[in-house]
Amino acid sequence: MGRRYAWRPKSIGHPAVTPPPHTHILDVKSLHFGWPDIPLFQDLNLQVPAGVSAVHGEESSGKTTLLMLLAGELRAHSGNFVLRNTDLNTHADAYRAQVFRTEPRSDALDATSAQVWFATLTSRYPSFDLDTALELARGFALDPHIDKPMYMLSAGSKRKVWLSAAFAAGTALTLIDEPFAALDLTSIRFLNALLHEASRHTDRAWVLADHSPPDGIRLGTQLLLGT
């Protein structure tokens, strides 16, 4: 049996800046994907508006897989992905340059410090702002760890490094997996402030993947995955 999913609008309160109607940063049509014997998405159509949206559901419901598909890192069986008029199928490099996806569990950066990694991102993402990344790192209280190789950091500190980069990337689409996991209370409050600001954007989209949608954040849309 395939997975159930429901893509529906959700609004909490009134935004400080009202996005123009029908402003979609990402359009996905007829997405088909699954693992052997585990169909996940069958003819899924979705539109991601500017601001903050959420993908939520149980463990192994396909949240991270969907983020990888939206990032163009995982090839769909079929489907069309168009991000700001850039088609993934025909202009893959240009599409991926407009997407930032967090991977805090990856060990690929273990030998690299946050300071060095941030500097490398300026060439990968045209709008990446190094000063903003460092300022955000200070906001997450990463100053004592900014020059340490990431294998020395706790799970929460690694996540804060990725979050600092994500909010400094300036990409059209930012995909954040389990944004609040392993964060201390002060960092959760700081992240919530960033998400509140992001929810008012009219030209960029953030998609959060977690077990449940975030409390108190105005969501443009949310996608519920389930068995």
C-alpha atoms as a PDB file:
ATOM      1  CA  MET A   1       0.000   0.000   0.000  1.00  0.00           C
ATOM      2  CA  GLY A   2       1.289   3.482  -0.844  1.00  0.00           C
ATOM      3  CA  ARG A   3       1.798   6.328   1.551  1.00  0.00           C
ATOM      4  CA  ARG A   4      -0.980   8.818   2.306  1.00  0.00           C
ATOM      5  CA  TYR A   5      -0.171  12.475   2.029  1.00  0.00           C
ATOM      6  CA  ALA A   6      -2.175  15.652   2.248  1.00  0.00           C
ATOM      7  CA  TRP A   7      -0.879  18.994   1.022  1.00  0.00           C
ATOM      8  CA  ARG A   8      -3.092  21.708   2.461  1.00  0.00           C
ATOM      9  CA  PRO A   9      -2.920  25.445   3.165  1.00  0.00           C
ATOM     10  CA  LYS A  10      -2.536  26.662   6.702  1.00  0.00           C
ATOM     11  CA  SER A  11      -2.506  30.190   8.031  1.00  0.00           C
ATOM     12  CA  ILE A  12      -1.794  31.349  11.565  1.00  0.00           C
ATOM     13  CA  GLY A  13      -2.701  34.971  12.184  1.00  0.00           C
ATOM     14  CA  HIS A  14      -1.837  37.720   9.736  1.00  0.00           C
ATOM     15  CA  PRO A  15       1.657  38.191   8.250  1.00  0.00           C
ATOM     16  CA  ALA A  16       3.441  41.487   8.696  1.00  0.00           C
ATOM     17  CA  VAL A  17       4.039  41.460   4.950  1.00  0.00           C
ATOM     18  CA  THR A  18       1.289  39.873   2.852  1.00  0.00           C
ATOM     19  CA  PRO A  19       2.698  37.824  -0.044  1.00  0.00           C
ATOM     20  CA  PRO A  20       1.133  38.475  -3.428  1.00  0.00           C
ATOM     21  CA  PRO A  21      -1.599  35.913  -4.227  1.00  0.00           C
ATOM     22  CA  HIS A  22      -0.494  32.693  -5.945  1.00  0.00           C
ATOM     23  CA  THR A  23       3.196  33.350  -5.330  1.00  0.00           C
ATOM     24  CA  HIS A  24       4.802  29.934  -5.668  1.00  0.00           C
ATOM     25  CA  ILE A  25       8.543  29.529  -5.368  1.00  0.00           C
ATOM     26  CA  LEU A  26       8.501  25.824  -6.277  1.00  0.00           C
ATOM     27  CA  ASP A  27       6.035  23.853  -8.394  1.00  0.00           C
ATOM     28  CA  VAL A  28       6.153  20.058  -8.432  1.00  0.00           C
ATOM     29  CA  LYS A  29       3.937  18.065 -10.769  1.00  0.00           C
ATOM     30  CA  SER A  30       3.261  14.331 -11.067  1.00  0.00           C
ATOM     31  CA  LEU A  31       6.007  13.224  -8.667  1.00  0.00           C
ATOM     32  CA  HIS A  32       6.474   9.462  -8.526  1.00  0.00           C
ATOM     33  CA  PHE A  33       9.078   7.917  -6.233  1.00  0.00           C
ATOM     34  CA  GLY A  34       9.530   4.928  -3.982  1.00  0.00           C
ATOM     35  CA  TRP A  35      12.053   2.462  -2.649  1.00  0.00           C
ATOM     36  CA  PRO A  36      11.847  -1.237  -3.598  1.00  0.00           C
ATOM     37  CA  ASP A  37       8.515  -2.514  -2.207  1.00  0.00           C
ATOM     38  CA  ILE A  38       7.911   0.870  -0.503  1.00  0.00           C
ATOM     39  CA  PRO A  39       6.013   3.307  -2.732  1.00  0.00           C
ATOM     40  CA  LEU A  40       6.217   6.784  -1.224  1.00  0.00           C
ATOM     41  CA  PHE A  41       4.862   9.355  -3.668  1.00  0.00           C
ATOM     42  CA  GLN A  42       2.444   8.578  -6.465  1.00  0.00           C
ATOM     43  CA  ASP A  43       1.370  11.410  -8.762  1.00  0.00           C
ATOM     44  CA  LEU A  44       2.029  14.028  -6.073  1.00  0.00           C
ATOM     45  CA  ASN A  45       1.437  17.635  -7.102  1.00  0.00           C
ATOM     46  CA  LEU A  46       2.438  20.437  -4.769  1.00  0.00           C
ATOM     47  CA  GLN A  47       3.192  24.124  -4.779  1.00  0.00           C
ATOM     48  CA  VAL A  48       5.531  25.659  -2.220  1.00  0.00           C
ATOM     49  CA  PRO A  49       4.789  29.332  -1.594  1.00  0.00           C
ATOM     50  CA  ALA A  50       7.076  32.018  -0.260  1.00  0.00           C
ATOM     51  CA  GLY A  51       7.575  31.915   3.501  1.00  0.00           C
ATOM     52  CA  VAL A  52       7.723  28.849   5.745  1.00  0.00           C
ATOM     53  CA  SER A  53       6.042  25.506   5.017  1.00  0.00           C
ATOM     54  CA  ALA A  54       6.228  22.181   6.832  1.00  0.00           C
ATOM     55  CA  VAL A  55       6.483  18.495   5.974  1.00  0.00           C
ATOM     56  CA  HIS A  56       5.589  16.306   8.923  1.00  0.00           C
ATOM     57  CA  GLY A  57       4.776  12.717   9.743  1.00  0.00           C
ATOM     58  CA  GLU A  58       5.920   9.608  11.525  1.00  0.00           C
ATOM     59  CA  GLU A  59       9.417   8.131  11.424  1.00  0.00           C
ATOM     60  CA  SER A  60      10.256   6.629   8.008  1.00  0.00           C
ATOM     61  CA  SER A  61       7.270   8.320   6.359  1.00  0.00           C
ATOM     62  CA  GLY A  62       9.473   9.885   3.672  1.00  0.00           C
ATOM     63  CA  LYS A  63      10.221  13.357   5.037  1.00  0.00           C
ATOM     64  CA  THR A  64      13.970  13.369   4.398  1.00  0.00           C
ATOM     65  CA  THR A  65      13.483  11.568   1.090  1.00  0.00           C
ATOM     66  CA  LEU A  66      11.107  14.302  -0.055  1.00  0.00           C
ATOM     67  CA  LEU A  67      13.599  17.029   0.894  1.00  0.00           C
ATOM     68  CA  MET A  68      16.287  15.240  -1.124  1.00  0.00           C
ATOM     69  CA  LEU A  69      13.928  15.048  -4.102  1.00  0.00           C
ATOM     70  CA  LEU A  70      13.058  18.745  -3.813  1.00  0.00           C
ATOM     71  CA  ALA A  71      16.776  19.568  -3.625  1.00  0.00           C
ATOM     72  CA  GLY A  72      17.477  17.642  -6.813  1.00  0.00           C
ATOM     73  CA  GLU A  73      19.860  15.333  -4.946  1.00  0.00           C
ATOM     74  CA  LEU A  74      17.706  12.246  -5.462  1.00  0.00           C
ATOM     75  CA  ARG A  75      16.287  11.413  -8.869  1.00  0.00           C
ATOM     76  CA  ALA A  76      12.529  10.925  -9.019  1.00  0.00           C
ATOM     77  CA  HIS A  77      11.088   8.071 -11.059  1.00  0.00           C
ATOM     78  CA  SER A  78       9.127  10.759 -12.874  1.00  0.00           C
ATOM     79  CA  GLY A  79       7.886  14.276 -12.272  1.00  0.00           C
ATOM     80  CA  ASN A  80       8.598  17.926 -12.983  1.00  0.00           C
ATOM     81  CA  PHE A  81      10.277  20.355 -10.572  1.00  0.00           C
ATOM     82  CA  VAL A  82      10.324  24.063 -11.425  1.00  0.00           C
ATOM     83  CA  LEU A  83      11.993  26.513  -9.037  1.00  0.00           C
ATOM     84  CA  ARG A  84      11.671  30.188  -9.928  1.00  0.00           C
ATOM     85  CA  ASN A  85      11.146  29.237 -13.584  1.00  0.00           C
ATOM     86  CA  THR A  86      14.194  26.932 -13.520  1.00  0.00           C
ATOM     87  CA  ASP A  87      13.373  23.363 -14.539  1.00  0.00           C
ATOM     88  CA  LEU A  88      15.347  20.659 -12.730  1.00  0.00           C
ATOM     89  CA  ASN A  89      15.037  18.272 -15.673  1.00  0.00           C
ATOM     90  CA  THR A  90      16.659  20.663 -18.156  1.00  0.00           C
ATOM     91  CA  HIS A  91      18.824  22.970 -15.992  1.00  0.00           C
ATOM     92  CA  ALA A  92      19.883  20.820 -13.044  1.00  0.00           C
ATOM     93  CA  ASP A  93      22.953  22.835 -12.007  1.00  0.00           C
ATOM     94  CA  ALA A  94      21.093  26.155 -12.056  1.00  0.00           C
ATOM     95  CA  TYR A  95      18.245  24.577 -10.077  1.00  0.00           C
ATOM     96  CA  ARG A  96      20.525  23.107  -7.399  1.00  0.00           C
ATOM     97  CA  ALA A  97      22.375  26.417  -7.000  1.00  0.00           C
ATOM     98  CA  GLN A  98      19.084  27.865  -5.726  1.00  0.00           C
ATOM     99  CA  VAL A  99      18.557  25.201  -3.036  1.00  0.00           C
ATOM    100  CA  PHE A 100      20.189  24.735   0.365  1.00  0.00           C
ATOM    101  CA  ARG A 101      19.460  21.549   2.332  1.00  0.00           C
ATOM    102  CA  THR A 102      20.743  20.896   5.842  1.00  0.00           C
ATOM    103  CA  GLU A 103      22.519  17.603   6.581  1.00  0.00           C
ATOM    104  CA  PRO A 104      23.574  17.813  10.249  1.00  0.00           C
ATOM    105  CA  ARG A 105      23.969  14.029  10.551  1.00  0.00           C
ATOM    106  CA  SER A 106      26.478  13.874   7.695  1.00  0.00           C
ATOM    107  CA  ASP A 107      30.098  13.159   8.619  1.00  0.00           C
ATOM    108  CA  ALA A 108      31.434  14.647   5.364  1.00  0.00           C
ATOM    109  CA  LEU A 109      32.465  17.865   7.129  1.00  0.00           C
ATOM    110  CA  ASP A 110      33.903  16.304  10.285  1.00  0.00           C
ATOM    111  CA  ALA A 111      37.468  17.429   9.521  1.00  0.00           C
ATOM    112  CA  THR A 112      36.367  20.973   8.603  1.00  0.00           C
ATOM    113  CA  SER A 113      35.631  23.898  10.888  1.00  0.00           C
ATOM    114  CA  ALA A 114      32.502  26.002  10.552  1.00  0.00           C
ATOM    115  CA  GLN A 115      34.648  29.041   9.741  1.00  0.00           C
ATOM    116  CA  VAL A 116      36.357  27.276   6.819  1.00  0.00           C
ATOM    117  CA  TRP A 117      33.158  25.660   5.578  1.00  0.00           C
ATOM    118  CA  PHE A 118      31.269  28.955   5.536  1.00  0.00           C
ATOM    119  CA  ALA A 119      34.005  30.457   3.360  1.00  0.00           C
ATOM    120  CA  THR A 120      33.649  27.665   0.789  1.00  0.00           C
ATOM    121  CA  LEU A 121      29.910  28.255   0.434  1.00  0.00           C
ATOM    122  CA  THR A 122      30.380  31.682  -1.135  1.00  0.00           C
ATOM    123  CA  SER A 123      31.418  30.005  -4.393  1.00  0.00           C
ATOM    124  CA  ARG A 124      28.624  27.416  -4.346  1.00  0.00           C
ATOM    125  CA  TYR A 125      25.763  29.804  -3.555  1.00  0.00           C
ATOM    126  CA  PRO A 126      25.910  33.188  -5.322  1.00  0.00           C
ATOM    127  CA  SER A 127      23.902  34.946  -2.578  1.00  0.00           C
ATOM    128  CA  PHE A 128      25.642  33.355   0.404  1.00  0.00           C
ATOM    129  CA  ASP A 129      26.600  36.062   2.922  1.00  0.00           C
ATOM    130  CA  LEU A 130      29.636  35.112   4.998  1.00  0.00           C
ATOM    131  CA  ASP A 131      29.180  37.979   7.467  1.00  0.00           C
ATOM    132  CA  THR A 132      25.577  36.934   8.053  1.00  0.00           C
ATOM    133  CA  ALA A 133      26.629  33.320   8.630  1.00  0.00           C
ATOM    134  CA  LEU A 134      29.154  34.392  11.255  1.00  0.00           C
ATOM    135  CA  GLU A 135      26.616  36.703  12.888  1.00  0.00           C
ATOM    136  CA  LEU A 136      24.083  33.882  13.040  1.00  0.00           C
ATOM    137  CA  ALA A 137      26.720  31.565  14.490  1.00  0.00           C
ATOM    138  CA  ARG A 138      27.250  34.110  17.260  1.00  0.00           C
ATOM    139  CA  GLY A 139      23.490  34.203  17.791  1.00  0.00           C
ATOM    140  CA  PHE A 140      23.587  30.434  18.278  1.00  0.00           C
ATOM    141  CA  ALA A 141      26.485  30.847  20.769  1.00  0.00           C
ATOM    142  CA  LEU A 142      28.967  29.073  18.487  1.00  0.00           C
ATOM    143  CA  ASP A 143      31.834  31.519  19.023  1.00  0.00           C
ATOM    144  CA  PRO A 144      33.895  29.069  21.145  1.00  0.00           C
ATOM    145  CA  HIS A 145      33.515  26.377  18.467  1.00  0.00           C
ATOM    146  CA  ILE A 146      33.775  28.295  15.190  1.00  0.00           C
ATOM    147  CA  ASP A 147      37.368  27.155  14.498  1.00  0.00           C
ATOM    148  CA  LYS A 148      37.032  23.590  15.779  1.00  0.00           C
ATOM    149  CA  PRO A 149      36.729  20.651  13.370  1.00  0.00           C
ATOM    150  CA  MET A 150      33.116  19.570  13.406  1.00  0.00           C
ATOM    151  CA  TYR A 151      33.847  16.097  14.719  1.00  0.00           C
ATOM    152  CA  MET A 152      34.544  17.844  18.036  1.00  0.00           C
ATOM    153  CA  LEU A 153      31.091  19.436  18.165  1.00  0.00           C
ATOM    154  CA  SER A 154      27.990  18.069  19.842  1.00  0.00           C
ATOM    155  CA  ALA A 155      24.966  17.097  17.751  1.00  0.00           C
ATOM    156  CA  GLY A 156      23.272  20.334  18.758  1.00  0.00           C
ATOM    157  CA  SER A 157      26.265  22.481  17.826  1.00  0.00           C
ATOM    158  CA  LYS A 158      26.582  20.768  14.429  1.00  0.00           C
ATOM    159  CA  ARG A 159      22.927  21.486  13.779  1.00  0.00           C
ATOM    160  CA  LYS A 160      23.478  25.143  14.704  1.00  0.00           C
ATOM    161  CA  VAL A 161      26.343  25.359  12.193  1.00  0.00           C
ATOM    162  CA  TRP A 162      24.055  24.035   9.461  1.00  0.00           C
ATOM    163  CA  LEU A 163      21.252  26.385  10.489  1.00  0.00           C
ATOM    164  CA  SER A 164      23.607  29.373  10.386  1.00  0.00           C
ATOM    165  CA  ALA A 165      24.615  28.452   6.852  1.00  0.00           C
ATOM    166  CA  ALA A 166      21.021  27.798   5.797  1.00  0.00           C
ATOM    167  CA  PHE A 167      19.771  31.222   6.834  1.00  0.00           C
ATOM    168  CA  ALA A 168      22.793  32.944   5.262  1.00  0.00           C
ATOM    169  CA  ALA A 169      22.605  31.092   1.943  1.00  0.00           C
ATOM    170  CA  GLY A 170      20.148  33.454   0.287  1.00  0.00           C
ATOM    171  CA  THR A 171      18.717  30.610  -1.789  1.00  0.00           C
ATOM    172  CA  ALA A 172      15.238  30.604  -3.270  1.00  0.00           C
ATOM    173  CA  LEU A 173      14.497  27.330  -1.460  1.00  0.00           C
ATOM    174  CA  THR A 174      15.885  26.279   1.925  1.00  0.00           C
ATOM    175  CA  LEU A 175      15.163  22.764   3.209  1.00  0.00           C
ATOM    176  CA  ILE A 176      15.693  22.108   6.918  1.00  0.00           C
ATOM    177  CA  ASP A 177      15.458  18.598   8.357  1.00  0.00           C
ATOM    178  CA  GLU A 178      14.411  18.361  12.042  1.00  0.00           C
ATOM    179  CA  PRO A 179      15.327  21.985  12.782  1.00  0.00           C
ATOM    180  CA  PHE A 180      14.827  21.817  16.556  1.00  0.00           C
ATOM    181  CA  ALA A 181      16.474  18.457  17.316  1.00  0.00           C
ATOM    182  CA  ALA A 182      19.221  18.559  19.983  1.00  0.00           C
ATOM    183  CA  LEU A 183      18.954  22.355  20.422  1.00  0.00           C
ATOM    184  CA  ASP A 184      19.056  24.050  23.817  1.00  0.00           C
ATOM    185  CA  LEU A 185      16.199  26.338  24.846  1.00  0.00           C
ATOM    186  CA  THR A 186      18.064  29.564  24.026  1.00  0.00           C
ATOM    187  CA  SER A 187      18.877  28.301  20.542  1.00  0.00           C
ATOM    188  CA  ILE A 188      15.269  27.198  20.007  1.00  0.00           C
ATOM    189  CA  ARG A 189      14.123  30.722  20.801  1.00  0.00           C
ATOM    190  CA  PHE A 190      16.701  32.186  18.420  1.00  0.00           C
ATOM    191  CA  LEU A 191      15.643  29.780  15.669  1.00  0.00           C
ATOM    192  CA  ASN A 192      11.983  30.629  16.233  1.00  0.00           C
ATOM    193  CA  ALA A 193      12.804  34.306  15.740  1.00  0.00           C
ATOM    194  CA  LEU A 194      14.539  33.473  12.452  1.00  0.00           C
ATOM    195  CA  LEU A 195      11.556  31.409  11.316  1.00  0.00           C
ATOM    196  CA  HIS A 196       9.122  34.187  12.188  1.00  0.00           C
ATOM    197  CA  GLU A 197      11.169  36.516  10.003  1.00  0.00           C
ATOM    198  CA  ALA A 198      11.355  33.915   7.230  1.00  0.00           C
ATOM    199  CA  SER A 199       7.571  33.487   7.281  1.00  0.00           C
ATOM    200  CA  ARG A 200       7.208  37.096   6.118  1.00  0.00           C
ATOM    201  CA  HIS A 201       9.405  36.715   3.037  1.00  0.00           C
ATOM    202  CA  THR A 202       7.730  37.136  -0.327  1.00  0.00           C
ATOM    203  CA  ASP A 203      10.516  35.823  -2.588  1.00  0.00           C
ATOM    204  CA  ARG A 204      12.057  32.865  -0.720  1.00  0.00           C
ATOM    205  CA  ALA A 205      10.700  29.608   0.669  1.00  0.00           C
ATOM    206  CA  TRP A 206      11.701  27.467   3.635  1.00  0.00           C
ATOM    207  CA  VAL A 207      10.461  23.897   4.058  1.00  0.00           C
ATOM    208  CA  LEU A 208      10.837  22.286   7.490  1.00  0.00           C
ATOM    209  CA  ALA A 209      10.660  18.504   7.932  1.00  0.00           C
ATOM    210  CA  ASP A 210       9.814  17.175  11.387  1.00  0.00           C
ATOM    211  CA  HIS A 211       7.507  14.854  13.297  1.00  0.00           C
ATOM    212  CA  SER A 212       5.002  17.682  13.797  1.00  0.00           C
ATOM    213  CA  PRO A 213       4.614  21.229  12.452  1.00  0.00           C
ATOM    214  CA  PRO A 214       6.310  23.972  14.487  1.00  0.00           C
ATOM    215  CA  ASP A 215       4.232  25.793  17.076  1.00  0.00           C
ATOM    216  CA  GLY A 216       3.497  29.471  16.585  1.00  0.00           C
ATOM    217  CA  ILE A 217       5.015  29.821  13.106  1.00  0.00           C
ATOM    218  CA  ARG A 218       2.762  31.036  10.304  1.00  0.00           C
ATOM    219  CA  LEU A 219       2.849  28.300   7.674  1.00  0.00           C
ATOM    220  CA  GLY A 220       2.086  28.845   4.028  1.00  0.00           C
ATOM    221  CA  THR A 221       1.374  25.142   3.492  1.00  0.00           C
ATOM    222  CA  GLN A 222       1.971  21.842   5.198  1.00  0.00           C
ATOM    223  CA  LEU A 223       2.341  18.320   3.885  1.00  0.00           C
ATOM    224  CA  LEU A 224       1.308  15.452   6.149  1.00  0.00           C
ATOM    225  CA  LEU A 225       2.944  12.109   5.383  1.00  0.00           C
ATOM    226  CA  GLY A 226       1.667   8.882   6.871  1.00  0.00           C
ATOM    227  CA  THR A 227       1.159   5.181   6.435  1.00  0.00           C
END
